[in-house]
Structures are given as C-alpha cells and as structure tokens.
C-alpha cells in the first residue's frame, strides 16, 4: 500500500473517530440535560423567577394531584403593547409549567381560534382561564397589567404573576366561605372605604375566596328563638366593639366555640372587652402597651416581635413587620384554664411596658417604675380550646380563637401602611377557618412594591430631631455667613 494511501486512511480514521466521539458526547449531554434540567435566571433582580408564594401554591396543587389547565388568549393584534403583553404571559406560563407536574398551559390566538373562545365563553382579548375539574377562575387583562408613570415615562407593567397566584389560591378552595363580622356595637365597618374601614381587608379576603358579611346577634326574625352563628361561617370577627356585648350574644359566641368554631377578637385600649375573654384565660389590662422601637413618626405605634406560630411563621421568614396603633396590653392567665392551649403571636420588645400615665419627655411617654408595668407585653394571642375539656363538645374539633389588642391593625390605614398587616390578618382567618395549608400563600402579595419602614429608638429619634432642627439649620447659617463674608471682601 502506498505511503500516501496509508496516510489518508490514518487521517480519515482519526477524523471519523473524533467525529463519532464528539457526536457521542453531544448525545450524552442531551440525555443528561433532558434528565437533569437546570435553568438560570440572568434577568435583573431575578424578575423571571417565580415568587415563593406562587411556588408554594404550585406545590400544594401538585400534592393534590388533580390536573390544572390554563388557557391564555392573545391580545388584540396591531396595538402598541400587544407583543409585550403576549410575551410576558407566555414567559410566566412557561415558568409555571416548568415548576408543576399538574399544570398544562397553552396560549391561544383569540382571532384565529374563535371556537375555543366560544367553547370557554370568552369574549375579550387577553383573558386567562384556569380550570381544575369543574372549578374555574378567570383573570382579565386589567388584572394582569397596569399603567405606571406619567407623560413620556408612562409604561405598561406586568403584574400577572400576582393575579395568577390569586387564581391558583382560589382553586384550592372551590367553594367560597363566609367571615361574619359582628355588628350592633359600633364595630369596624366592612363596607367603609375610609381610613377606619375594613374594605382593604375585605378585598384581600375576597381574593382568597371569603365573603364578608355582617352578623347581628341582638335580633332574630323568629319568635322564641335566640340568634345563633350560621353553620356556613368560616369564622366570626368581633371587630373592636365600642360597647359591651349582651349576655345572649356572649352565649351565642360560646355556643359557636362549643361547636369547634373560630373567633377573631380585636379589642382596643379603653374599650369594653367581651366578658367571655375571661373564660378563655385572656385579660385586657388597663393602659397602653408601648416600647422604644416604633414606627416613625408615630410615638404610639410599636413594631412588635413576631413569635413562632402557623399564623406568623411566614412573616418571620420574610421579615415583614406588623404595625399596631395604641394597642391594649393582653395578659394570659397563669396557669391557662384547663382544656385551653395558648400561644403568644405578637409581643413588645424587652424594653416594652404598660403605660399607665405620668410625665412626658419631648412629648413622648417614658417608663416610670412604680407607676408603669415593666414588659415585655403580649399584644396578640392564639388559643385552642380542646374538645371534651370544658368549652368544646367532645364530638367537635378544637375551637380556635385569636385575640389582638388593636382593632386599628385591620383597618385600611394600617393594612396599607403596615408591611405585614394584610398577611397577618388573612393568615389569622385561614387558621381560624382550618385552612392550614393556605397559610403563608397570600395571593395579594405576589411581586408587590416593596414597603420599607424605619424603626428607631427614642435616643435615635432624638438624634434625628437634633440634626434636622439644630445642626442642619446651623450649617445653612454658617454657609450663608461664609458666602456673605467672601462677597464683602471682594
């Protein structure tokens, strides 16, 4: 065999071998990539990564194992932001599909697939339809996008993940439940949209599939029958009554607790507390709970410590503060009455105290030994009444009660102002309604705008005042004097 022929065979066989090895390596990489998929989010702020709340909802749906179908209809062709909207929805659903075993999704052209739209009863662009079995949740375009900015800076922002998370939360509770708010004693109004109303909380609960209705236990429409808590109640909310409850009302609430029901009590300092709290081992003490750490610029808004409990665990994990305003101090009986199990939810810091009056420093109350009561002070407690142990019948589940020493914590003003108030309130309702698996997955959180609050001690607040009222004006005066002297010397 010629030398040149042997050389060609050697080179050819080497090239063939190298080609086979490269192809084999590529096939192996493909198989490994298919078996062990890895995704990286290189976007700013990891904006393409699903929020923990959304991932938790998907985990719960996967645990149920029932198929979930998401059909997203495209937006109207030819509009300026159509491409952005369709791509944002598609990217979100792709991430959802990658993170769930039970979710199947598709994006449907509304103009070309009218039969699909008619079958689902969809008559508008951009609608998302989520289905699981016979249950269905629709998300409209205006819930997925919002306009922000002004003038030339005005732009469309995608908030579809929060809307989708709310829809998934609704699927976990196919039937709506009712939270009854006691009325007749000057309680907080669920329909009030002002600072002292509950409309923001009602909106959050609506997204979690709770209807909020008022409950009158003073009157009845049937002669000879006493008012009772309806059987369809998820829980009862005694929202800061300004007058004492009647004995019949107290009995009705005790009967509801005896059936294993849940009750949320919100009480305020200086307002009559329901008498049945004594039977639950809770006393509303005189005075106001204060602490050095507060929400600037308020001197009566302590930022309490969150203690471990299913209601507060996710707030602790996400470091979300709950804001209270002029809270009433709570005192747990020691020992707790037989058949009850009590846990503190919110408590002042170690420097907290019960303010009972005395001198002020700089317009702020200070702790005075011999007058005030040294803390820490309990501000919210959760109680379980065990069946067959006194209050609850043996055949019923344990009743659940939450007592919060501040009605303002649930109002529109503080729900909007406190970073964790909305989640705390919804978690409390979930816990009372025995929806434990939904704790910590509030749909309204999503990718909401971050809220940051500054907690300052009194010395720190005094330093801020000294700098802003003393040092900064002095600097301005000195600079002005320097400029005046420089000009005069020219």
Protein backbone atom coordinates (compact mmCIF):
# COMPACT_ATOMS: atom_id res chain seq x y z
CA UNK A 1 0.00 0.00 0.00
CA UNK A 2 1.34 3.36 -0.95
CA UNK A 3 2.53 5.79 1.73
CA UNK A 4 0.01 8.43 0.65
CA UNK A 5 -2.85 5.92 0.84
CA UNK A 6 -1.88 4.84 4.35
CA UNK A 7 -1.66 8.49 5.38
CA UNK A 8 -5.16 9.20 4.02
CA UNK A 9 -6.58 6.13 5.81
CA UNK A 10 -4.93 7.14 9.08
CA UNK A 11 -6.19 10.73 8.83
CA UNK A 12 -9.65 9.58 7.75
CA UNK A 13 -9.98 7.03 10.55
CA UNK A 14 -8.83 9.61 13.11
CA UNK A 15 -11.31 12.16 11.80
CA UNK A 16 -14.10 9.57 11.86
CA UNK A 17 -13.22 8.54 15.39
CA UNK A 18 -13.12 12.15 16.58
CA UNK A 19 -16.47 12.84 14.86
CA UNK A 20 -18.07 9.78 16.49
CA UNK A 21 -16.69 10.80 19.89
CA UNK A 22 -17.99 14.39 19.52
CA UNK A 23 -21.41 13.13 18.42
CA UNK A 24 -21.44 10.68 21.33
CA UNK A 25 -20.55 13.46 23.75
CA UNK A 26 -23.33 15.66 22.32
CA UNK A 27 -25.85 12.82 22.64
CA UNK A 28 -24.71 12.19 26.22
CA UNK A 29 -25.02 15.89 27.05
CA UNK A 30 -28.51 15.95 25.51
CA UNK A 31 -29.60 12.91 27.53
CA UNK A 32 -28.17 14.36 30.75
CA UNK A 33 -29.75 17.76 30.05
CA UNK A 34 -33.09 16.09 29.41
CA UNK A 35 -32.89 14.07 32.62
CA UNK A 36 -31.45 16.82 34.86
CA UNK A 37 -32.73 20.14 33.61
CA UNK A 38 -31.16 23.28 35.03
CA UNK A 39 -32.48 26.80 34.46
CA UNK A 40 -30.71 30.09 35.17
CA UNK A 41 -32.44 33.45 35.55
CA UNK A 42 -29.99 36.16 34.47
CA UNK A 43 -32.55 38.97 34.43
CA UNK A 44 -32.19 41.98 36.72
CA UNK A 45 -33.49 41.18 40.19
CA UNK A 46 -34.38 37.62 39.04
CA UNK A 47 -37.63 39.04 37.66
CA UNK A 48 -38.28 35.86 35.65
CA UNK A 49 -38.16 33.60 38.71
CA UNK A 50 -41.48 32.74 40.32
CA UNK A 51 -42.15 34.23 43.75
CA UNK A 52 -42.04 31.87 46.76
CA UNK A 53 -45.80 32.36 47.26
CA UNK A 54 -46.51 31.16 43.71
CA UNK A 55 -44.17 28.19 44.07
CA UNK A 56 -45.91 27.22 47.33
CA UNK A 57 -49.31 27.27 45.61
CA UNK A 58 -47.97 25.06 42.81
CA UNK A 59 -46.55 22.68 45.41
CA UNK A 60 -49.95 22.39 47.06
CA UNK A 61 -51.66 21.76 43.71
CA UNK A 62 -49.07 19.09 42.89
CA UNK A 63 -49.76 17.46 46.25
CA UNK A 64 -53.48 17.23 45.35
CA UNK A 65 -52.54 15.63 42.04
CA UNK A 66 -55.56 16.92 40.08
CA UNK A 67 -54.86 18.28 36.59
CA UNK A 68 -54.94 22.07 36.15
CA UNK A 69 -55.43 23.56 32.67
CA UNK A 70 -54.51 27.17 31.89
CA UNK A 71 -55.71 28.70 28.61
CA UNK A 72 -54.35 32.18 27.83
CA UNK A 73 -55.87 34.15 24.95
CA UNK A 74 -53.72 36.57 23.00
CA UNK A 75 -54.22 40.33 22.94
CA UNK A 76 -55.55 42.34 20.03
CA UNK A 77 -53.16 42.40 17.09
CA UNK A 78 -51.84 45.76 15.90
CA UNK A 79 -51.78 47.50 19.27
CA UNK A 80 -48.56 49.01 20.52
CA UNK A 81 -48.07 46.80 23.58
CA UNK A 82 -49.56 43.55 22.23
CA UNK A 83 -46.19 41.87 21.66
CA UNK A 84 -45.00 42.78 25.18
CA UNK A 85 -48.22 41.53 26.80
CA UNK A 86 -48.34 38.21 24.94
CA UNK A 87 -44.66 37.54 25.61
CA UNK A 88 -45.00 38.39 29.32
CA UNK A 89 -47.93 35.99 29.71
CA UNK A 90 -46.17 33.26 27.72
CA UNK A 91 -42.97 33.57 29.77
CA UNK A 92 -44.93 33.39 33.03
CA UNK A 93 -46.90 30.32 31.98
CA UNK A 94 -43.75 28.61 30.74
CA UNK A 95 -42.20 29.07 34.20
CA UNK A 96 -45.37 27.81 35.85
CA UNK A 97 -45.37 24.73 33.64
CA UNK A 98 -41.72 24.04 34.44
CA UNK A 99 -42.42 24.17 38.17
CA UNK A 100 -45.54 21.98 38.31
CA UNK A 101 -46.41 18.41 37.41
CA UNK A 102 -50.16 19.00 37.17
CA UNK A 103 -50.34 22.30 35.27
CA UNK A 104 -50.83 22.22 31.49
CA UNK A 105 -50.95 25.52 29.64
CA UNK A 106 -51.41 26.87 26.15
CA UNK A 107 -51.60 30.30 24.55
CA UNK A 108 -54.45 30.59 22.05
CA UNK A 109 -54.77 33.15 19.25
CA UNK A 110 -58.10 34.82 20.05
CA UNK A 111 -58.74 35.85 16.41
CA UNK A 112 -57.84 32.53 14.77
CA UNK A 113 -59.29 30.10 17.31
CA UNK A 114 -62.72 31.58 17.93
CA UNK A 115 -64.22 28.13 18.50
CA UNK A 116 -62.01 27.66 21.56
CA UNK A 117 -63.00 31.09 22.83
CA UNK A 118 -66.70 30.38 22.29
CA UNK A 119 -66.41 27.00 23.99
CA UNK A 120 -64.98 28.67 27.08
CA UNK A 121 -67.36 31.63 26.84
CA UNK A 122 -64.52 34.14 26.37
CA UNK A 123 -65.47 37.34 24.52
CA UNK A 124 -62.48 39.59 25.14
CA UNK A 125 -58.77 39.68 24.35
CA UNK A 126 -56.14 38.76 26.94
CA UNK A 127 -58.35 36.62 29.18
CA UNK A 128 -56.68 33.76 31.12
CA UNK A 129 -58.88 30.81 32.08
CA UNK A 130 -57.74 28.43 34.84
CA UNK A 131 -59.63 25.15 35.18
CA UNK A 132 -59.43 22.26 37.61
CA UNK A 133 -62.21 19.74 37.33
CA UNK A 134 -65.49 21.63 37.37
CA UNK A 135 -63.98 24.68 39.05
CA UNK A 136 -62.88 27.68 37.02
CA UNK A 137 -61.20 31.05 37.63
CA UNK A 138 -60.96 33.83 35.02
CA UNK A 139 -58.27 36.55 35.01
CA UNK A 140 -58.95 39.62 32.90
CA UNK A 141 -56.38 41.74 31.09
CA UNK A 142 -56.73 44.64 33.53
CA UNK A 143 -55.77 42.32 36.38
CA UNK A 144 -52.56 41.31 34.59
CA UNK A 145 -51.26 44.73 33.54
CA UNK A 146 -51.29 48.24 34.92
CA UNK A 147 -50.13 51.62 33.66
CA UNK A 148 -47.47 53.37 35.74
CA UNK A 149 -45.68 56.67 35.40
CA UNK A 150 -46.75 59.91 33.78
CA UNK A 151 -46.28 61.57 30.41
CA UNK A 152 -43.42 60.18 28.36
CA UNK A 153 -42.42 57.89 31.24
CA UNK A 154 -45.82 56.18 31.27
CA UNK A 155 -45.44 52.46 30.61
CA UNK A 156 -47.25 49.14 30.95
CA UNK A 157 -46.19 46.96 33.88
CA UNK A 158 -46.90 43.23 34.14
CA UNK A 159 -48.44 42.10 37.43
CA UNK A 160 -49.84 38.87 36.09
CA UNK A 161 -47.99 36.60 38.50
CA UNK A 162 -49.86 38.07 41.49
CA UNK A 163 -53.16 37.69 39.61
CA UNK A 164 -52.32 34.11 38.63
CA UNK A 165 -51.29 33.31 42.21
CA UNK A 166 -54.67 34.56 43.42
CA UNK A 167 -56.40 32.34 40.86
CA UNK A 168 -54.44 29.30 41.97
CA UNK A 169 -55.31 30.10 45.60
CA UNK A 170 -58.99 30.16 44.69
CA UNK A 171 -58.71 26.72 43.10
CA UNK A 172 -57.56 25.33 46.44
CA UNK A 173 -60.92 26.29 47.93
CA UNK A 174 -63.55 25.65 45.23
CA UNK A 175 -66.45 26.90 47.36
CA UNK A 176 -66.46 30.36 48.88
CA UNK A 177 -66.68 30.67 52.66
CA UNK A 178 -68.11 33.39 54.87
CA UNK A 179 -66.42 35.51 57.52
CA UNK A 180 -69.13 37.09 59.67
CA UNK A 181 -68.37 40.48 61.25
CA UNK A 182 -70.36 41.18 64.40
CA UNK A 183 -72.44 44.37 64.26
CA UNK A 184 -74.57 46.46 66.60
CA UNK A 185 -71.88 47.83 68.95
CA UNK A 186 -70.08 50.40 66.80
CA UNK A 187 -67.72 47.83 65.28
CA UNK A 188 -65.45 48.49 62.31
CA UNK A 189 -67.45 48.59 59.06
CA UNK A 190 -66.56 46.14 56.25
CA UNK A 191 -68.07 48.49 53.64
CA UNK A 192 -66.27 51.62 54.81
CA UNK A 193 -63.56 52.79 52.36
CA UNK A 194 -62.09 55.44 54.65
CA UNK A 195 -59.03 55.02 56.88
CA UNK A 196 -61.09 53.39 59.65
CA UNK A 197 -62.93 50.93 57.41
CA UNK A 198 -62.25 47.31 56.56
CA UNK A 199 -62.68 47.46 52.77
CA UNK A 200 -59.00 46.68 52.07
CA UNK A 201 -59.16 43.58 54.24
CA UNK A 202 -62.44 42.59 52.57
CA UNK A 203 -60.74 42.87 49.16
CA UNK A 204 -57.83 40.68 50.32
CA UNK A 205 -60.23 38.08 51.70
CA UNK A 206 -62.29 38.16 48.52
CA UNK A 207 -59.19 37.16 46.56
CA UNK A 208 -58.80 34.26 48.97
CA UNK A 209 -62.45 33.24 48.37
CA UNK A 210 -64.00 34.55 51.55
CA UNK A 211 -67.22 36.55 51.55
CA UNK A 212 -67.53 39.06 54.39
CA UNK A 213 -71.00 39.61 55.83
CA UNK A 214 -72.31 41.33 58.94
CA UNK A 215 -73.84 39.31 61.78
CA UNK A 216 -76.45 40.68 64.16
CA UNK A 217 -76.76 38.57 67.31
CA UNK A 218 -79.03 41.10 69.03
CA UNK A 219 -82.14 40.41 66.96
CA UNK A 220 -83.89 37.40 65.48
CA UNK A 221 -86.60 37.03 62.85
CA UNK A 222 -88.14 34.00 64.56
CA UNK A 223 -90.15 34.41 67.71
CA UNK A 224 -88.91 32.34 70.62
CA UNK A 225 -85.51 31.58 69.01
CA UNK A 226 -82.24 33.13 70.08
CA UNK A 227 -79.79 34.35 67.42
CA UNK A 228 -77.00 31.92 66.54
CA UNK A 229 -73.89 31.91 64.40
CA UNK A 230 -74.79 30.45 60.96
CA UNK A 231 -73.47 27.00 60.12
CA UNK A 232 -71.78 28.27 56.94
CA UNK A 233 -69.47 30.55 58.94
CA UNK A 234 -65.75 30.11 58.36
CA UNK A 235 -65.14 32.30 61.42
CA UNK A 236 -66.62 35.23 63.34
CA UNK A 237 -64.83 38.60 63.61
CA UNK A 238 -65.61 40.71 66.69
CA UNK A 239 -64.12 43.90 65.25
CA UNK A 240 -63.48 46.33 68.11
CA UNK A 241 -66.93 46.77 69.66
CA UNK A 242 -67.35 50.10 71.42
CA UNK A 243 -69.99 48.76 73.82
CA UNK A 244 -70.29 45.60 75.88
CA UNK A 245 -71.90 42.52 74.35
CA UNK A 246 -75.21 41.38 75.79
CA UNK A 247 -75.40 38.07 77.70
CA UNK A 248 -77.32 36.48 74.81
CA UNK A 249 -74.59 37.48 72.37
CA UNK A 250 -71.91 36.11 74.66
CA UNK A 251 -73.85 32.85 74.91
CA UNK A 252 -74.18 32.66 71.11
CA UNK A 253 -70.42 33.07 70.68
CA UNK A 254 -69.73 30.49 73.40
CA UNK A 255 -72.11 28.09 71.65
CA UNK A 256 -70.21 28.68 68.38
CA UNK A 257 -66.93 27.95 70.16
CA UNK A 258 -68.54 24.84 71.62
CA UNK A 259 -69.19 23.66 68.05
CA UNK A 260 -65.49 23.98 67.27
CA UNK A 261 -65.82 27.38 65.57
CA UNK A 262 -63.23 30.11 65.18
CA UNK A 263 -63.46 33.67 66.54
CA UNK A 264 -61.20 36.67 65.95
CA UNK A 265 -61.40 39.31 68.69
CA UNK A 266 -59.95 42.77 68.08
CA UNK A 267 -60.04 44.96 71.19
CA UNK A 268 -58.80 48.46 71.89
CA UNK A 269 -57.43 50.22 74.94
CA UNK A 270 -60.17 51.89 76.97
CA UNK A 271 -62.98 49.99 75.20
CA UNK A 272 -65.11 47.33 76.94
CA UNK A 273 -63.75 43.87 76.16
CA UNK A 274 -66.10 40.88 75.70
CA UNK A 275 -66.62 39.20 79.06
CA UNK A 276 -66.10 35.72 77.61
CA UNK A 277 -62.38 36.50 77.16
CA UNK A 278 -62.02 35.79 80.89
CA UNK A 279 -63.21 32.22 80.28
CA UNK A 280 -60.53 31.96 77.59
CA UNK A 281 -57.82 32.99 80.03
CA UNK A 282 -57.24 36.42 78.48
CA UNK A 283 -57.47 39.73 80.33
CA UNK A 284 -57.30 43.13 78.64
CA UNK A 285 -55.24 45.18 81.09
CA UNK A 286 -55.60 48.90 81.74
CA UNK A 287 -53.22 51.26 79.98
CA UNK A 288 -51.45 51.17 76.62
CA UNK A 289 -48.56 48.97 75.50
CA UNK A 290 -45.51 50.97 74.40
CA UNK A 291 -41.87 50.28 73.58
CA UNK A 292 -38.79 52.25 72.49
CA UNK A 293 -38.93 50.85 68.93
CA UNK A 294 -41.75 52.49 66.99
CA UNK A 295 -42.92 53.39 63.51
CA UNK A 296 -41.59 56.82 62.58
CA UNK A 297 -43.01 59.42 63.14
CA UNK A 298 -45.63 57.94 65.48
CA UNK A 299 -44.93 57.57 69.19
CA UNK A 300 -47.74 55.08 69.88
CA UNK A 301 -47.15 52.59 67.06
CA UNK A 302 -44.90 49.81 68.39
CA UNK A 303 -43.42 47.31 65.94
CA UNK A 304 -43.88 44.09 67.92
CA UNK A 305 -41.82 40.93 67.89
CA UNK A 306 -43.34 38.04 65.93
CA UNK A 307 -43.30 34.77 67.84
CA UNK A 308 -43.44 31.29 66.22
CA UNK A 309 -46.91 30.10 65.22
CA UNK A 310 -48.53 28.95 61.94
CA UNK A 311 -50.06 32.44 61.62
CA UNK A 312 -46.74 34.26 61.90
CA UNK A 313 -44.13 31.81 60.61
CA UNK A 314 -44.06 33.14 57.03
CA UNK A 315 -43.97 36.75 58.24
CA UNK A 316 -40.95 35.87 60.37
CA UNK A 317 -39.30 34.19 57.42
CA UNK A 318 -39.91 37.16 55.10
CA UNK A 319 -39.10 39.67 57.88
CA UNK A 320 -42.42 41.50 57.46
CA UNK A 321 -43.33 43.86 60.28
CA UNK A 322 -46.84 44.13 61.72
CA UNK A 323 -47.76 47.64 62.86
CA UNK A 324 -50.10 48.29 65.78
CA UNK A 325 -51.52 51.65 66.88
CA UNK A 326 -52.10 52.47 70.56
CA UNK A 327 -52.52 48.75 71.41
CA UNK A 328 -54.17 47.35 74.50
CA UNK A 329 -51.97 45.06 76.65
CA UNK A 330 -53.10 41.43 76.96
CA UNK A 331 -52.42 39.24 79.97
CA UNK A 332 -52.65 35.44 79.76
CA UNK A 333 -53.82 33.57 82.85
CA UNK A 334 -51.12 31.60 84.60
CA UNK A 335 -51.87 28.78 84.51
CA UNK A 336 -54.08 28.76 81.44
CA UNK A 337 -57.58 27.34 82.20
CA UNK A 338 -57.96 23.58 81.78
CA UNK A 339 -58.64 22.49 78.22
CA UNK A 340 -57.03 25.55 76.62
CA UNK A 341 -53.72 25.90 74.81
CA UNK A 342 -52.46 29.47 74.38
CA UNK A 343 -49.62 30.87 72.26
CA UNK A 344 -48.42 34.46 72.05
CA UNK A 345 -48.32 35.81 68.48
CA UNK A 346 -47.17 39.41 68.98
CA UNK A 347 -45.21 40.84 71.88
CA UNK A 348 -43.35 44.05 72.63
CA UNK A 349 -39.57 44.04 72.74
CA UNK A 350 -37.82 43.60 76.09
CA UNK A 351 -37.92 47.36 76.62
CA UNK A 352 -41.70 47.47 76.33
CA UNK A 353 -44.03 48.42 79.14
CA UNK A 354 -47.67 49.14 80.03
CA UNK A 355 -48.08 52.92 80.16
CA UNK A 356 -50.44 53.99 82.94
CA UNK A 357 -49.74 57.72 82.90
CA UNK A 358 -47.06 60.02 84.23
CA UNK A 359 -44.58 62.52 82.87
CA UNK A 360 -43.63 63.05 79.23
CA UNK A 361 -40.20 63.70 77.72
CA UNK A 362 -40.25 65.60 74.46
CA UNK A 363 -43.94 64.89 74.12
CA UNK A 364 -43.38 61.13 74.46
CA UNK A 365 -44.32 58.80 77.29
CA UNK A 366 -41.46 57.17 79.19
CA UNK A 367 -41.35 54.21 81.54
CA UNK A 368 -41.62 55.19 85.20
CA UNK A 369 -41.00 52.50 87.84
CA UNK A 370 -43.72 52.41 90.44
CA UNK A 371 -46.32 53.74 88.00
CA UNK A 372 -45.98 51.78 84.80
CA UNK A 373 -45.70 48.00 84.42
CA UNK A 374 -42.45 46.64 83.02
CA UNK A 375 -42.78 44.36 79.95
CA UNK A 376 -42.42 42.63 77.63
CA UNK A 377 -46.17 42.84 76.97
CA UNK A 378 -48.34 40.43 74.96
CA UNK A 379 -50.25 42.13 72.12
CA UNK A 380 -51.87 39.19 70.29
CA UNK A 381 -52.51 35.58 71.33
CA UNK A 382 -53.86 32.42 69.69
CA UNK A 383 -55.92 29.95 71.72
CA UNK A 384 -57.08 26.42 71.03
CA UNK A 385 -59.97 25.04 73.10
CA UNK A 386 -59.63 21.26 73.16
CA UNK A 387 -62.73 19.07 72.65
CA UNK A 388 -64.30 17.41 75.67
CA UNK A 389 -62.37 19.59 78.10
CA UNK A 390 -64.97 22.19 79.07
CA UNK A 391 -65.88 24.68 76.33
CA UNK A 392 -65.98 22.39 73.27
CA UNK A 393 -68.11 19.31 72.82
CA UNK A 394 -66.25 16.01 72.70
CA UNK A 395 -67.54 15.24 69.19
CA UNK A 396 -66.33 18.56 67.70
CA UNK A 397 -62.87 19.67 66.60
CA UNK A 398 -60.81 22.01 68.74
CA UNK A 399 -62.08 25.59 68.62
CA UNK A 400 -59.65 28.30 67.58
CA UNK A 401 -59.58 31.86 68.91
CA UNK A 402 -57.30 34.80 68.13
CA UNK A 403 -57.25 37.91 70.33
CA UNK A 404 -55.48 41.05 69.09
CA UNK A 405 -55.10 44.09 71.32
CA UNK A 406 -55.65 46.55 68.48
CA UNK A 407 -58.59 46.98 66.12
CA UNK A 408 -56.70 49.53 64.01
CA UNK A 409 -54.35 46.78 62.82
CA UNK A 410 -57.12 45.57 60.49
CA UNK A 411 -58.26 48.96 59.17
CA UNK A 412 -57.50 50.38 55.75
CA UNK A 413 -54.96 52.81 57.22
CA UNK A 414 -52.72 50.17 58.78
CA UNK A 415 -53.34 47.41 56.24
CA UNK A 416 -51.92 49.81 53.64
CA UNK A 417 -49.21 51.17 55.95
CA UNK A 418 -48.03 48.02 57.73
CA UNK A 419 -45.88 45.74 55.54
CA UNK A 420 -47.22 42.57 57.18
CA UNK A 421 -50.67 43.60 58.41
CA UNK A 422 -52.61 42.23 55.42
CA UNK A 423 -50.85 38.88 55.51
CA UNK A 424 -51.21 38.62 59.29
CA UNK A 425 -54.97 39.28 59.02
CA UNK A 426 -55.54 36.79 56.18
CA UNK A 427 -53.36 34.17 57.89
CA UNK A 428 -55.42 34.58 61.05
CA UNK A 429 -58.64 33.98 59.10
CA UNK A 430 -57.12 30.94 57.35
CA UNK A 431 -56.05 29.48 60.68
CA UNK A 432 -59.44 30.10 62.29
CA UNK A 433 -61.17 28.54 59.28
CA UNK A 434 -58.84 25.47 59.45
CA UNK A 435 -57.32 26.28 56.06
CA UNK A 436 -53.87 25.49 57.41
CA UNK A 437 -52.36 24.53 54.06
CA UNK A 438 -53.10 28.02 52.73
CA UNK A 439 -51.16 29.78 55.47
CA UNK A 440 -48.36 31.91 54.12
CA UNK A 441 -49.52 31.86 50.50
CA UNK A 442 -51.46 35.15 50.34
CA UNK A 443 -52.22 35.76 46.71
CA UNK A 444 -52.23 39.51 47.01
CA UNK A 445 -48.54 39.60 47.87
CA UNK A 446 -47.17 38.38 44.55
CA UNK A 447 -44.49 40.81 43.38
CA UNK A 448 -45.91 43.83 45.13
CA UNK A 449 -43.96 47.03 45.54
CA UNK A 450 -41.58 46.75 48.45
CA UNK A 451 -42.52 48.67 51.60
CA UNK A 452 -39.75 49.63 53.97
CA UNK A 453 -40.28 51.04 57.46
CA UNK A 454 -37.72 52.56 59.77
CA UNK A 455 -37.77 51.52 63.42
CA UNK A 456 -35.98 53.95 65.76
CA UNK A 457 -35.44 54.00 69.49
CA UNK A 458 -36.18 57.19 71.41
CA UNK A 459 -32.48 58.23 71.66
CA UNK A 460 -32.08 57.67 67.91
CA UNK A 461 -35.24 59.69 67.22
CA UNK A 462 -33.90 62.45 69.46
CA UNK A 463 -30.65 62.47 67.50
CA UNK A 464 -32.59 62.75 64.21
CA UNK A 465 -34.51 65.70 65.62
CA UNK A 466 -31.34 67.39 66.86
CA UNK A 467 -29.68 67.03 63.48
CA UNK A 468 -32.70 68.19 61.49
CA UNK A 469 -33.74 71.04 63.81
CA UNK A 470 -30.35 72.12 65.14
CA UNK A 471 -27.31 71.02 63.17
CA UNK A 472 -28.69 71.42 59.63
CA UNK A 473 -30.01 74.98 60.18
CA UNK A 474 -26.69 75.86 61.83
CA UNK A 475 -24.79 74.56 58.77
CA UNK A 476 -27.00 76.66 56.49
CA UNK A 477 -26.36 79.76 58.62
CA UNK A 478 -22.58 79.17 58.62
CA UNK A 479 -22.50 78.61 54.86
CA UNK A 480 -24.55 81.76 54.34
CA UNK A 481 -22.26 83.75 56.60
CA UNK A 482 -19.22 82.43 54.76
CA UNK A 483 -20.67 83.45 51.39
CA UNK A 484 -21.56 86.89 52.75
CA UNK A 485 -18.06 87.45 54.14
CA UNK A 486 -16.47 86.26 50.88
CA UNK A 487 -18.54 88.68 48.80
CA UNK A 488 -17.88 91.53 51.21
CA UNK A 489 -14.14 91.01 50.96
CA UNK A 490 -14.08 91.36 47.16
